[in-house]
C-alpha cells in the first residue's frame, strides 16, 4: 500500500467532511444503495451507491465530480460499512504532495527543453 500525503488544502477539505459525516444517518435501501441525511431531517437526503467489491462509490450530490473531494455522505457510508480506507481513485493525484513535486519537475524539464531548442536554433543562424 502506497502512503499518500495530501496538500494542506486537500487535507483540510477532507477533514472538514470527516468531521461532518457523523452528523448524518445512513439507511440501507438495498445491498448497494443507501439514503443519507442529516440526523435532524426526516425526509430527503442524498442517495449513495456503493459497490465494495469494485471499490466504487457514488453520491447523488456529485461533490466528488465537481470538486474532487469525497462528500460527507460517502464518508458516512464508508464508515457505517466498516471501511477503514479511502479507495485510491478517490484521492486524486492533484491533491497529493508528490503530484505537486512531479508537476514542478515536469514544468522545469519542459522549460529547459524549450530554452535549449531556442539556443540551438539561434546558434545555427549565426556563422561564427
N, C-alpha and C. Protein backbone atom coordinates (compact mmCIF):
# COMPACT_ATOMS: atom_id res chain seq x y z
N UNK A 1 0.84 -1.18 0.00
CA UNK A 1 0.00 0.00 0.00
C UNK A 1 0.88 1.24 0.00
N UNK A 2 0.60 2.16 -0.93
CA UNK A 2 1.37 3.38 -1.05
C UNK A 2 0.82 4.43 -0.08
N UNK A 3 1.72 5.09 0.64
CA UNK A 3 1.33 6.13 1.57
C UNK A 3 1.27 7.45 0.82
N UNK A 4 0.11 8.12 0.88
CA UNK A 4 -0.06 9.39 0.19
C UNK A 4 -0.10 10.52 1.21
N UNK A 5 0.51 11.62 0.86
CA UNK A 5 0.47 12.81 1.68
C UNK A 5 -0.33 13.86 0.93
N UNK A 6 -1.39 14.35 1.55
CA UNK A 6 -2.24 15.34 0.92
C UNK A 6 -1.68 16.74 1.12
N UNK A 7 -1.93 17.60 0.13
CA UNK A 7 -1.61 19.01 0.30
C UNK A 7 -2.44 19.55 1.45
N UNK A 8 -1.98 20.62 2.08
CA UNK A 8 -2.67 21.18 3.24
C UNK A 8 -4.14 21.48 2.93
N UNK A 9 -4.39 22.11 1.79
CA UNK A 9 -5.76 22.45 1.40
C UNK A 9 -6.63 21.20 1.28
N UNK A 10 -6.11 20.17 0.61
CA UNK A 10 -6.86 18.93 0.42
C UNK A 10 -7.11 18.24 1.75
N UNK A 11 -6.10 18.21 2.59
CA UNK A 11 -6.27 17.60 3.91
C UNK A 11 -7.35 18.33 4.70
N UNK A 12 -7.34 19.65 4.66
CA UNK A 12 -8.33 20.45 5.39
C UNK A 12 -9.75 20.17 4.88
N UNK A 13 -9.93 20.10 3.56
CA UNK A 13 -11.25 19.82 2.98
C UNK A 13 -11.74 18.43 3.38
N UNK A 14 -10.86 17.44 3.30
CA UNK A 14 -11.23 16.09 3.69
C UNK A 14 -11.56 16.03 5.17
N UNK A 15 -10.77 16.70 5.98
CA UNK A 15 -11.01 16.72 7.42
C UNK A 15 -12.35 17.38 7.74
N UNK A 16 -12.69 18.46 7.04
CA UNK A 16 -13.99 19.12 7.25
C UNK A 16 -15.14 18.15 6.99
N UNK A 17 -15.04 17.39 5.91
CA UNK A 17 -16.10 16.43 5.57
C UNK A 17 -16.14 15.28 6.58
N UNK A 18 -14.97 14.84 7.02
CA UNK A 18 -14.92 13.76 8.02
C UNK A 18 -15.55 14.18 9.34
N UNK A 19 -15.38 15.44 9.72
CA UNK A 19 -15.95 15.95 10.96
C UNK A 19 -17.48 16.01 10.86
N UNK A 20 -18.00 16.36 9.68
CA UNK A 20 -19.45 16.47 9.49
C UNK A 20 -20.14 15.12 9.29
N UNK A 21 -19.43 14.12 8.79
CA UNK A 21 -20.02 12.83 8.45
C UNK A 21 -20.80 12.17 9.60
N UNK A 22 -20.31 12.18 10.84
CA UNK A 22 -21.07 11.53 11.92
C UNK A 22 -22.42 12.18 12.23
N UNK A 23 -22.65 13.39 11.72
CA UNK A 23 -23.93 14.06 11.94
C UNK A 23 -25.02 13.53 11.01
N UNK A 24 -24.64 12.61 10.13
CA UNK A 24 -25.57 12.08 9.14
C UNK A 24 -25.91 10.63 9.45
N UNK A 25 -27.15 10.29 9.16
CA UNK A 25 -27.61 8.92 9.34
C UNK A 25 -27.61 8.23 7.97
N UNK A 26 -27.27 6.96 7.98
CA UNK A 26 -27.21 6.17 6.76
C UNK A 26 -28.23 5.03 6.86
N UNK A 27 -29.15 4.98 5.91
CA UNK A 27 -30.20 3.96 5.89
C UNK A 27 -30.04 3.10 4.64
N UNK A 28 -29.79 1.81 4.79
CA UNK A 28 -29.67 0.96 3.60
C UNK A 28 -31.02 0.80 2.90
N UNK A 29 -31.02 1.03 1.59
CA UNK A 29 -32.21 0.82 0.78
C UNK A 29 -32.19 -0.56 0.15
N UNK A 30 -31.00 -1.00 -0.23
CA UNK A 30 -30.76 -2.37 -0.69
C UNK A 30 -29.29 -2.67 -0.47
N UNK A 31 -28.79 -3.72 -1.08
CA UNK A 31 -27.41 -4.15 -0.82
C UNK A 31 -26.38 -3.08 -1.18
N UNK A 32 -26.63 -2.31 -2.24
CA UNK A 32 -25.64 -1.35 -2.71
C UNK A 32 -26.09 0.11 -2.60
N UNK A 33 -27.27 0.37 -2.11
CA UNK A 33 -27.81 1.73 -2.12
C UNK A 33 -28.19 2.17 -0.70
N UNK A 34 -27.82 3.43 -0.38
CA UNK A 34 -28.08 3.98 0.95
C UNK A 34 -28.72 5.37 0.81
N UNK A 35 -29.59 5.68 1.73
CA UNK A 35 -30.14 7.02 1.85
C UNK A 35 -29.39 7.67 3.01
N UNK A 36 -28.81 8.83 2.77
CA UNK A 36 -28.01 9.51 3.80
C UNK A 36 -28.58 10.91 3.99
N UNK A 37 -28.92 11.23 5.23
CA UNK A 37 -29.45 12.56 5.52
C UNK A 37 -29.02 13.01 6.91
N UNK A 38 -29.04 14.32 7.11
CA UNK A 38 -28.67 14.89 8.39
C UNK A 38 -29.59 14.33 9.48
N UNK A 39 -29.07 14.13 10.65
CA UNK A 39 -29.84 13.47 11.71
C UNK A 39 -31.08 14.27 12.11
N UNK A 40 -31.15 15.56 11.79
CA UNK A 40 -32.32 16.36 12.14
C UNK A 40 -33.41 16.32 11.06
N UNK A 41 -33.10 15.77 9.90
CA UNK A 41 -34.06 15.70 8.80
C UNK A 41 -34.83 14.39 8.85
N UNK A 42 -36.10 14.47 8.52
CA UNK A 42 -36.92 13.27 8.49
C UNK A 42 -37.04 12.69 7.08
N UNK A 43 -36.91 13.55 6.07
CA UNK A 43 -37.04 13.12 4.67
C UNK A 43 -35.89 13.68 3.85
N UNK A 44 -35.80 13.18 2.64
CA UNK A 44 -34.80 13.70 1.71
C UNK A 44 -33.43 13.13 1.95
N UNK A 45 -32.44 13.92 1.63
CA UNK A 45 -31.06 13.48 1.76
C UNK A 45 -30.48 13.09 0.42
N UNK A 46 -29.38 12.42 0.47
CA UNK A 46 -28.68 12.00 -0.74
C UNK A 46 -28.70 10.49 -0.86
N UNK A 47 -28.60 10.04 -2.08
CA UNK A 47 -28.55 8.61 -2.35
C UNK A 47 -27.10 8.24 -2.68
N UNK A 48 -26.58 7.29 -1.95
CA UNK A 48 -25.20 6.83 -2.16
C UNK A 48 -25.24 5.39 -2.65
N UNK A 49 -24.58 5.15 -3.78
CA UNK A 49 -24.48 3.80 -4.33
C UNK A 49 -23.06 3.32 -4.11
N UNK A 50 -22.94 2.17 -3.47
CA UNK A 50 -21.63 1.65 -3.11
C UNK A 50 -21.49 0.19 -3.53
N UNK A 51 -20.38 -0.10 -4.22
CA UNK A 51 -20.05 -1.48 -4.57
C UNK A 51 -18.67 -1.77 -4.01
N UNK A 52 -18.59 -2.32 -2.79
CA UNK A 52 -17.30 -2.52 -2.14
C UNK A 52 -16.36 -3.45 -2.89
N UNK A 53 -16.90 -4.40 -3.62
CA UNK A 53 -16.03 -5.32 -4.38
C UNK A 53 -15.26 -4.58 -5.47
N UNK A 54 -15.91 -3.62 -6.11
CA UNK A 54 -15.28 -2.84 -7.17
C UNK A 54 -14.61 -1.56 -6.64
N UNK A 55 -14.73 -1.32 -5.34
CA UNK A 55 -14.25 -0.08 -4.71
C UNK A 55 -14.83 1.13 -5.44
N UNK A 56 -16.12 1.05 -5.75
CA UNK A 56 -16.80 2.13 -6.45
C UNK A 56 -17.88 2.69 -5.53
N UNK A 57 -17.92 4.00 -5.40
CA UNK A 57 -18.94 4.65 -4.58
C UNK A 57 -19.30 5.98 -5.23
N UNK A 58 -20.58 6.28 -5.23
CA UNK A 58 -21.06 7.49 -5.90
C UNK A 58 -22.22 8.09 -5.11
N UNK A 59 -22.24 9.42 -5.02
CA UNK A 59 -23.29 10.11 -4.27
C UNK A 59 -24.08 11.01 -5.22
N UNK A 60 -25.37 11.14 -4.95
CA UNK A 60 -26.22 11.98 -5.80
C UNK A 60 -25.90 13.47 -5.68
N UNK A 61 -25.18 13.89 -4.65
CA UNK A 61 -24.81 15.31 -4.54
C UNK A 61 -23.71 15.68 -5.54
N UNK A 62 -22.99 14.70 -6.06
CA UNK A 62 -21.94 14.89 -7.08
C UNK A 62 -20.79 15.78 -6.65
N UNK A 63 -20.54 15.89 -5.36
CA UNK A 63 -19.44 16.73 -4.89
C UNK A 63 -18.10 16.26 -5.44
N UNK A 64 -17.88 14.94 -5.48
CA UNK A 64 -16.60 14.44 -5.98
C UNK A 64 -16.40 14.83 -7.44
N UNK A 65 -17.45 14.75 -8.24
CA UNK A 65 -17.35 15.11 -9.66
C UNK A 65 -17.02 16.59 -9.85
N UNK A 66 -17.54 17.44 -8.97
CA UNK A 66 -17.33 18.88 -9.11
C UNK A 66 -16.04 19.37 -8.47
N UNK A 67 -15.69 18.82 -7.31
CA UNK A 67 -14.55 19.37 -6.57
C UNK A 67 -13.37 18.41 -6.43
N UNK A 68 -13.61 17.12 -6.61
CA UNK A 68 -12.54 16.15 -6.42
C UNK A 68 -12.41 15.68 -4.99
N UNK A 69 -13.35 16.07 -4.12
CA UNK A 69 -13.33 15.66 -2.72
C UNK A 69 -14.54 14.80 -2.42
N UNK A 70 -14.33 13.74 -1.67
CA UNK A 70 -15.45 12.91 -1.24
C UNK A 70 -16.33 13.72 -0.29
N UNK A 71 -17.62 13.53 -0.40
CA UNK A 71 -18.57 14.25 0.45
C UNK A 71 -18.80 13.50 1.76
N UNK A 72 -19.43 14.18 2.68
CA UNK A 72 -19.75 13.61 3.99
C UNK A 72 -20.69 12.41 3.87
N UNK A 73 -21.53 12.40 2.82
CA UNK A 73 -22.48 11.30 2.63
C UNK A 73 -21.74 10.00 2.32
N UNK A 74 -20.78 10.09 1.41
CA UNK A 74 -19.96 8.93 1.05
C UNK A 74 -19.13 8.48 2.25
N UNK A 75 -18.52 9.44 2.93
CA UNK A 75 -17.69 9.10 4.09
C UNK A 75 -18.52 8.44 5.18
N UNK A 76 -19.78 8.85 5.31
CA UNK A 76 -20.67 8.22 6.29
C UNK A 76 -20.96 6.77 5.91
N UNK A 77 -21.22 6.53 4.64
CA UNK A 77 -21.49 5.16 4.18
C UNK A 77 -20.25 4.29 4.35
N UNK A 78 -19.08 4.83 4.00
CA UNK A 78 -17.85 4.06 4.18
C UNK A 78 -17.65 3.70 5.65
N UNK A 79 -17.89 4.66 6.53
CA UNK A 79 -17.74 4.43 7.96
C UNK A 79 -18.73 3.40 8.47
N UNK A 80 -19.99 3.54 8.10
CA UNK A 80 -21.01 2.61 8.59
C UNK A 80 -20.86 1.22 7.99
N UNK A 81 -20.12 1.13 6.86
CA UNK A 81 -19.84 -0.17 6.24
C UNK A 81 -18.53 -0.77 6.75
N UNK A 82 -17.96 -0.15 7.78
CA UNK A 82 -16.69 -0.59 8.37
C UNK A 82 -15.55 -0.60 7.36
N UNK A 83 -15.56 0.36 6.47
CA UNK A 83 -14.46 0.53 5.52
C UNK A 83 -13.50 1.55 6.13
N UNK A 84 -12.27 1.13 6.35
CA UNK A 84 -11.32 1.97 7.08
C UNK A 84 -10.25 2.60 6.20
N UNK A 85 -10.48 2.57 4.89
CA UNK A 85 -9.57 3.26 3.98
C UNK A 85 -10.37 3.88 2.86
N UNK A 86 -9.82 4.92 2.28
CA UNK A 86 -10.46 5.57 1.13
C UNK A 86 -9.81 4.99 -0.12
N UNK A 87 -10.59 4.42 -1.02
CA UNK A 87 -10.01 3.86 -2.24
C UNK A 87 -9.18 4.91 -2.99
N UNK A 88 -8.06 4.47 -3.53
CA UNK A 88 -7.09 5.37 -4.17
C UNK A 88 -7.66 6.27 -5.24
N UNK A 89 -8.64 5.78 -6.02
CA UNK A 89 -9.19 6.61 -7.09
C UNK A 89 -9.96 7.82 -6.57
N UNK A 90 -10.25 7.84 -5.27
CA UNK A 90 -10.95 8.97 -4.67
C UNK A 90 -10.01 9.93 -3.95
N UNK A 91 -8.72 9.75 -4.18
CA UNK A 91 -7.70 10.69 -3.72
C UNK A 91 -6.91 11.12 -4.95
N UNK A 92 -7.42 12.07 -5.73
CA UNK A 92 -6.78 12.45 -6.99
C UNK A 92 -5.34 12.92 -6.80
N UNK A 93 -4.52 12.62 -7.78
CA UNK A 93 -3.10 13.00 -7.72
C UNK A 93 -2.90 14.49 -7.51
N UNK A 94 -3.81 15.28 -8.04
CA UNK A 94 -3.62 16.74 -7.92
C UNK A 94 -3.68 17.23 -6.47
N UNK A 95 -4.22 16.42 -5.56
CA UNK A 95 -4.30 16.80 -4.16
C UNK A 95 -3.18 16.20 -3.32
N UNK A 96 -2.26 15.49 -3.96
CA UNK A 96 -1.18 14.82 -3.23
C UNK A 96 0.13 15.59 -3.37
N UNK A 97 0.93 15.56 -2.31
CA UNK A 97 2.20 16.30 -2.29
C UNK A 97 3.13 15.82 -3.39
N UNK A 98 3.26 14.51 -3.58
CA UNK A 98 4.18 14.01 -4.59
C UNK A 98 3.73 14.38 -5.99
N UNK A 99 2.45 14.62 -6.22
CA UNK A 99 1.97 15.06 -7.52
C UNK A 99 2.46 16.48 -7.81
N UNK A 100 2.48 17.32 -6.78
CA UNK A 100 2.95 18.68 -6.94
C UNK A 100 4.41 18.69 -7.34
N UNK A 101 5.22 17.88 -6.68
CA UNK A 101 6.65 17.88 -6.99
C UNK A 101 6.90 17.34 -8.39
N UNK A 102 6.15 16.34 -8.84
CA UNK A 102 6.35 15.82 -10.19
C UNK A 102 5.88 16.82 -11.23
N UNK A 103 4.83 17.60 -10.93
CA UNK A 103 4.36 18.64 -11.84
C UNK A 103 5.41 19.73 -11.98
N UNK A 104 5.97 20.18 -10.87
CA UNK A 104 7.02 21.19 -10.90
C UNK A 104 8.22 20.67 -11.67
N UNK A 105 8.61 19.42 -11.43
CA UNK A 105 9.73 18.81 -12.14
C UNK A 105 9.45 18.76 -13.64
N UNK A 106 8.28 18.36 -14.02
CA UNK A 106 7.90 18.28 -15.43
C UNK A 106 7.93 19.66 -16.09
N UNK A 107 7.45 20.69 -15.38
CA UNK A 107 7.47 22.05 -15.92
C UNK A 107 8.90 22.54 -16.12
N UNK A 108 9.80 22.21 -15.20
CA UNK A 108 11.21 22.61 -15.34
C UNK A 108 11.85 21.93 -16.54
N UNK A 109 11.56 20.66 -16.71
CA UNK A 109 12.12 19.93 -17.87
C UNK A 109 11.62 20.56 -19.16
N UNK A 110 10.32 20.85 -19.22
CA UNK A 110 9.75 21.46 -20.42
C UNK A 110 10.40 22.82 -20.70
N UNK A 111 10.58 23.62 -19.65
CA UNK A 111 11.20 24.93 -19.81
C UNK A 111 12.63 24.79 -20.32
N UNK A 112 13.42 23.88 -19.75
CA UNK A 112 14.80 23.69 -20.19
C UNK A 112 14.88 23.17 -21.62
N UNK A 113 13.96 22.28 -21.99
CA UNK A 113 13.95 21.77 -23.36
C UNK A 113 13.64 22.88 -24.36
N UNK A 114 12.68 23.74 -24.04
CA UNK A 114 12.35 24.83 -24.96
C UNK A 114 13.49 25.85 -25.03
N UNK A 115 14.14 26.10 -23.90
CA UNK A 115 15.28 27.01 -23.88
C UNK A 115 16.43 26.46 -24.71
N UNK A 116 16.70 25.17 -24.58
CA UNK A 116 17.77 24.52 -25.34
C UNK A 116 17.49 24.57 -26.83
N UNK A 117 16.26 24.25 -27.23
CA UNK A 117 15.96 24.27 -28.67
C UNK A 117 16.00 25.70 -29.22
N UNK A 118 15.68 26.69 -28.40
CA UNK A 118 15.78 28.08 -28.83
C UNK A 118 17.25 28.46 -29.04
N UNK A 119 18.13 28.04 -28.12
CA UNK A 119 19.56 28.31 -28.26
C UNK A 119 20.16 27.62 -29.49
N UNK A 120 19.75 26.38 -29.72
CA UNK A 120 20.25 25.64 -30.89
C UNK A 120 19.78 26.33 -32.16
N UNK A 121 18.53 26.77 -32.21
CA UNK A 121 18.00 27.44 -33.41
C UNK A 121 18.74 28.74 -33.66
N UNK A 122 18.99 29.52 -32.63
CA UNK A 122 19.71 30.79 -32.80
C UNK A 122 21.16 30.56 -33.20
N UNK A 123 21.80 29.55 -32.61
CA UNK A 123 23.21 29.31 -32.94
C UNK A 123 23.38 28.77 -34.35
N UNK A 124 22.38 28.11 -34.90
CA UNK A 124 22.50 27.61 -36.27
C UNK A 124 22.37 28.73 -37.29
N UNK A 125 21.79 29.86 -36.90
CA UNK A 125 21.64 31.00 -37.80
C UNK A 125 22.91 31.85 -37.85
N UNK A 126 23.73 31.78 -36.82
CA UNK A 126 24.96 32.59 -36.76
C UNK A 126 26.11 31.78 -37.35
N UNK A 127 26.92 32.43 -38.20
CA UNK A 127 28.02 31.73 -38.86
C UNK A 127 29.18 31.44 -37.92
N UNK A 128 29.40 32.28 -36.93
CA UNK A 128 30.52 32.09 -36.03
C UNK A 128 30.27 30.90 -35.22
